[in-house]
């Protein structure tokens, strides 16, 4: 993955229909199905390793408690 992206679904189904990539000069819109599959897979991988909301809050509290 090379940087942040935003995924969009425009219907009732949670199917990714477009992805945007932003940089200083412009925004690129990705709509090709094969390219969208790559971003969906990356998002699924990120979600699988992310902490739960409760664990995230616990980690933040611990970090704040350990701060000088």
N, C-alpha and C. Protein backbone atom coordinates (compact mmCIF):
# COMPACT_ATOMS: atom_id res chain seq x y z
N UNK A 1 0.84 -1.17 0.00
CA UNK A 1 0.00 0.00 0.00
C UNK A 1 0.89 1.23 0.00
N UNK A 2 0.55 2.20 -0.82
CA UNK A 2 1.42 3.37 -0.96
C UNK A 2 0.91 4.61 -0.22
N UNK A 3 -0.30 4.59 0.27
CA UNK A 3 -0.81 5.75 0.98
C UNK A 3 -2.30 5.61 1.27
N UNK A 4 -2.87 6.63 1.90
CA UNK A 4 -4.29 6.57 2.28
C UNK A 4 -5.20 6.59 1.05
N UNK A 5 -6.36 5.99 1.23
CA UNK A 5 -7.37 6.00 0.18
C UNK A 5 -8.74 6.01 0.83
N UNK A 6 -9.74 6.43 0.07
CA UNK A 6 -11.13 6.42 0.53
C UNK A 6 -11.93 5.56 -0.42
N UNK A 7 -12.76 4.68 0.12
CA UNK A 7 -13.60 3.81 -0.69
C UNK A 7 -15.04 4.29 -0.59
N UNK A 8 -15.76 4.20 -1.71
CA UNK A 8 -17.13 4.68 -1.77
C UNK A 8 -18.07 3.60 -2.28
N UNK A 9 -19.23 3.54 -1.64
CA UNK A 9 -20.32 2.67 -2.07
C UNK A 9 -21.55 3.56 -2.18
N UNK A 10 -22.22 3.53 -3.32
CA UNK A 10 -23.31 4.46 -3.55
C UNK A 10 -24.69 3.83 -3.43
N UNK A 11 -24.77 2.54 -3.27
CA UNK A 11 -26.06 1.87 -3.17
C UNK A 11 -26.31 1.34 -1.78
N UNK A 12 -27.34 0.53 -1.68
CA UNK A 12 -27.70 -0.08 -0.41
C UNK A 12 -26.67 -1.13 -0.01
N UNK A 13 -26.15 -1.84 -0.99
CA UNK A 13 -25.12 -2.85 -0.75
C UNK A 13 -23.79 -2.18 -0.39
N UNK A 14 -23.01 -2.84 0.43
CA UNK A 14 -21.71 -2.30 0.83
C UNK A 14 -20.63 -2.73 -0.15
N UNK A 15 -20.90 -2.59 -1.44
CA UNK A 15 -19.95 -2.95 -2.49
C UNK A 15 -19.16 -1.71 -2.89
N UNK A 16 -17.84 -1.81 -2.85
CA UNK A 16 -17.00 -0.67 -3.21
C UNK A 16 -17.15 -0.40 -4.71
N UNK A 17 -17.55 0.83 -5.04
CA UNK A 17 -17.77 1.20 -6.44
C UNK A 17 -16.72 2.19 -6.95
N UNK A 18 -16.02 2.84 -6.03
CA UNK A 18 -14.97 3.78 -6.42
C UNK A 18 -14.02 3.97 -5.25
N UNK A 19 -12.78 4.27 -5.59
CA UNK A 19 -11.76 4.58 -4.59
C UNK A 19 -11.09 5.87 -5.03
N UNK A 20 -10.82 6.76 -4.07
CA UNK A 20 -10.09 7.98 -4.39
C UNK A 20 -8.74 7.98 -3.69
N UNK A 21 -7.75 8.50 -4.41
CA UNK A 21 -6.40 8.67 -3.90
C UNK A 21 -6.07 10.14 -4.04
N UNK A 22 -5.70 10.78 -2.94
CA UNK A 22 -5.43 12.21 -2.99
C UNK A 22 -3.94 12.48 -2.78
N UNK A 23 -3.45 13.51 -3.48
CA UNK A 23 -2.09 14.00 -3.25
C UNK A 23 -2.11 15.52 -3.36
N UNK A 24 -0.97 16.15 -3.31
CA UNK A 24 -0.93 17.62 -3.32
C UNK A 24 -1.46 18.22 -4.62
N UNK A 25 -1.33 17.52 -5.71
CA UNK A 25 -1.69 18.08 -7.01
C UNK A 25 -3.09 17.72 -7.49
N UNK A 26 -3.59 16.54 -7.10
CA UNK A 26 -4.89 16.13 -7.63
C UNK A 26 -5.49 14.98 -6.84
N UNK A 27 -6.65 14.55 -7.30
CA UNK A 27 -7.32 13.37 -6.76
C UNK A 27 -7.52 12.40 -7.91
N UNK A 28 -7.15 11.15 -7.69
CA UNK A 28 -7.35 10.12 -8.69
C UNK A 28 -8.53 9.26 -8.27
N UNK A 29 -9.43 8.99 -9.21
CA UNK A 29 -10.59 8.13 -8.95
C UNK A 29 -10.35 6.80 -9.65
N UNK A 30 -10.45 5.73 -8.89
CA UNK A 30 -10.27 4.39 -9.42
C UNK A 30 -11.65 3.73 -9.49
N UNK A 31 -12.00 3.20 -10.66
CA UNK A 31 -13.30 2.55 -10.83
C UNK A 31 -13.23 1.19 -11.51
N UNK A 32 -12.07 0.81 -12.03
CA UNK A 32 -11.93 -0.48 -12.70
C UNK A 32 -12.09 -1.62 -11.69
N UNK A 33 -12.95 -2.58 -11.99
CA UNK A 33 -13.21 -3.67 -11.04
C UNK A 33 -11.96 -4.39 -10.54
N UNK A 34 -11.01 -4.66 -11.41
CA UNK A 34 -9.80 -5.36 -10.96
C UNK A 34 -8.98 -4.51 -10.01
N UNK A 35 -8.95 -3.20 -10.25
CA UNK A 35 -8.23 -2.29 -9.34
C UNK A 35 -8.96 -2.16 -8.01
N UNK A 36 -10.28 -2.09 -8.06
CA UNK A 36 -11.06 -1.99 -6.83
C UNK A 36 -10.85 -3.21 -5.94
N UNK A 37 -10.71 -4.37 -6.56
CA UNK A 37 -10.47 -5.59 -5.79
C UNK A 37 -9.18 -5.49 -4.99
N UNK A 38 -8.16 -4.87 -5.55
CA UNK A 38 -6.91 -4.68 -4.82
C UNK A 38 -7.12 -3.85 -3.57
N UNK A 39 -7.87 -2.76 -3.68
CA UNK A 39 -8.12 -1.89 -2.53
C UNK A 39 -9.01 -2.56 -1.50
N UNK A 40 -10.00 -3.32 -1.94
CA UNK A 40 -10.85 -4.05 -1.00
C UNK A 40 -10.01 -5.05 -0.22
N UNK A 41 -9.09 -5.74 -0.89
CA UNK A 41 -8.22 -6.70 -0.21
C UNK A 41 -7.30 -6.01 0.80
N UNK A 42 -6.76 -4.87 0.44
CA UNK A 42 -5.90 -4.12 1.38
C UNK A 42 -6.72 -3.68 2.59
N UNK A 43 -7.93 -3.17 2.35
CA UNK A 43 -8.78 -2.74 3.47
C UNK A 43 -9.09 -3.92 4.39
N UNK A 44 -9.41 -5.07 3.81
CA UNK A 44 -9.70 -6.25 4.62
C UNK A 44 -8.50 -6.66 5.45
N UNK A 45 -7.29 -6.57 4.88
CA UNK A 45 -6.08 -6.90 5.64
C UNK A 45 -5.86 -5.92 6.78
N UNK A 46 -6.07 -4.63 6.52
CA UNK A 46 -5.91 -3.62 7.57
C UNK A 46 -6.92 -3.84 8.69
N UNK A 47 -8.15 -4.12 8.30
CA UNK A 47 -9.20 -4.33 9.30
C UNK A 47 -8.90 -5.57 10.15
N UNK A 48 -8.31 -6.60 9.54
CA UNK A 48 -8.04 -7.83 10.28
C UNK A 48 -6.96 -7.65 11.35
N UNK A 49 -6.06 -6.69 11.18
CA UNK A 49 -5.00 -6.48 12.17
C UNK A 49 -5.27 -5.30 13.10
N UNK A 50 -6.34 -4.59 12.86
CA UNK A 50 -6.67 -3.43 13.69
C UNK A 50 -7.16 -3.87 15.06
N UNK A 51 -6.91 -3.05 16.05
CA UNK A 51 -7.43 -3.31 17.39
C UNK A 51 -8.93 -3.04 17.43
N UNK A 52 -9.61 -3.71 18.32
CA UNK A 52 -11.04 -3.44 18.53
C UNK A 52 -11.18 -2.05 19.16
N UNK A 53 -12.37 -1.46 19.12
CA UNK A 53 -12.54 -0.15 19.76
C UNK A 53 -12.14 -0.16 21.25
N UNK A 54 -12.51 -1.23 21.96
CA UNK A 54 -12.15 -1.30 23.38
C UNK A 54 -10.63 -1.40 23.58
N UNK A 55 -9.99 -2.22 22.76
CA UNK A 55 -8.53 -2.36 22.86
C UNK A 55 -7.82 -1.07 22.44
N UNK A 56 -8.38 -0.36 21.46
CA UNK A 56 -7.81 0.92 21.05
C UNK A 56 -7.87 1.92 22.19
N UNK A 57 -9.02 2.00 22.85
CA UNK A 57 -9.18 2.92 23.98
C UNK A 57 -8.22 2.55 25.10
N UNK A 58 -8.09 1.26 25.35
CA UNK A 58 -7.16 0.79 26.39
C UNK A 58 -5.73 1.19 26.05
N UNK A 59 -5.33 1.02 24.80
CA UNK A 59 -3.97 1.37 24.36
C UNK A 59 -3.74 2.87 24.51
N UNK A 60 -4.73 3.69 24.15
CA UNK A 60 -4.59 5.14 24.29
C UNK A 60 -4.47 5.55 25.76
N UNK A 61 -5.29 4.94 26.61
CA UNK A 61 -5.20 5.24 28.05
C UNK A 61 -3.83 4.87 28.59
N UNK A 62 -3.34 3.71 28.19
CA UNK A 62 -2.03 3.25 28.65
C UNK A 62 -0.93 4.21 28.17
N UNK A 63 -1.02 4.65 26.93
CA UNK A 63 -0.02 5.58 26.39
C UNK A 63 -0.06 6.89 27.16
N UNK A 64 -1.25 7.39 27.45
CA UNK A 64 -1.36 8.65 28.21
C UNK A 64 -0.84 8.49 29.63
N UNK A 65 -1.12 7.36 30.24
CA UNK A 65 -0.64 7.11 31.61
C UNK A 65 0.88 7.00 31.66
N UNK A 66 1.48 6.49 30.59
CA UNK A 66 2.93 6.31 30.55
C UNK A 66 3.68 7.58 30.12
N UNK A 67 2.95 8.58 29.64
CA UNK A 67 3.58 9.80 29.15
C UNK A 67 4.18 10.60 30.31
N UNK A 68 5.30 11.29 30.06
CA UNK A 68 5.93 12.07 31.14
C UNK A 68 5.08 13.25 31.56
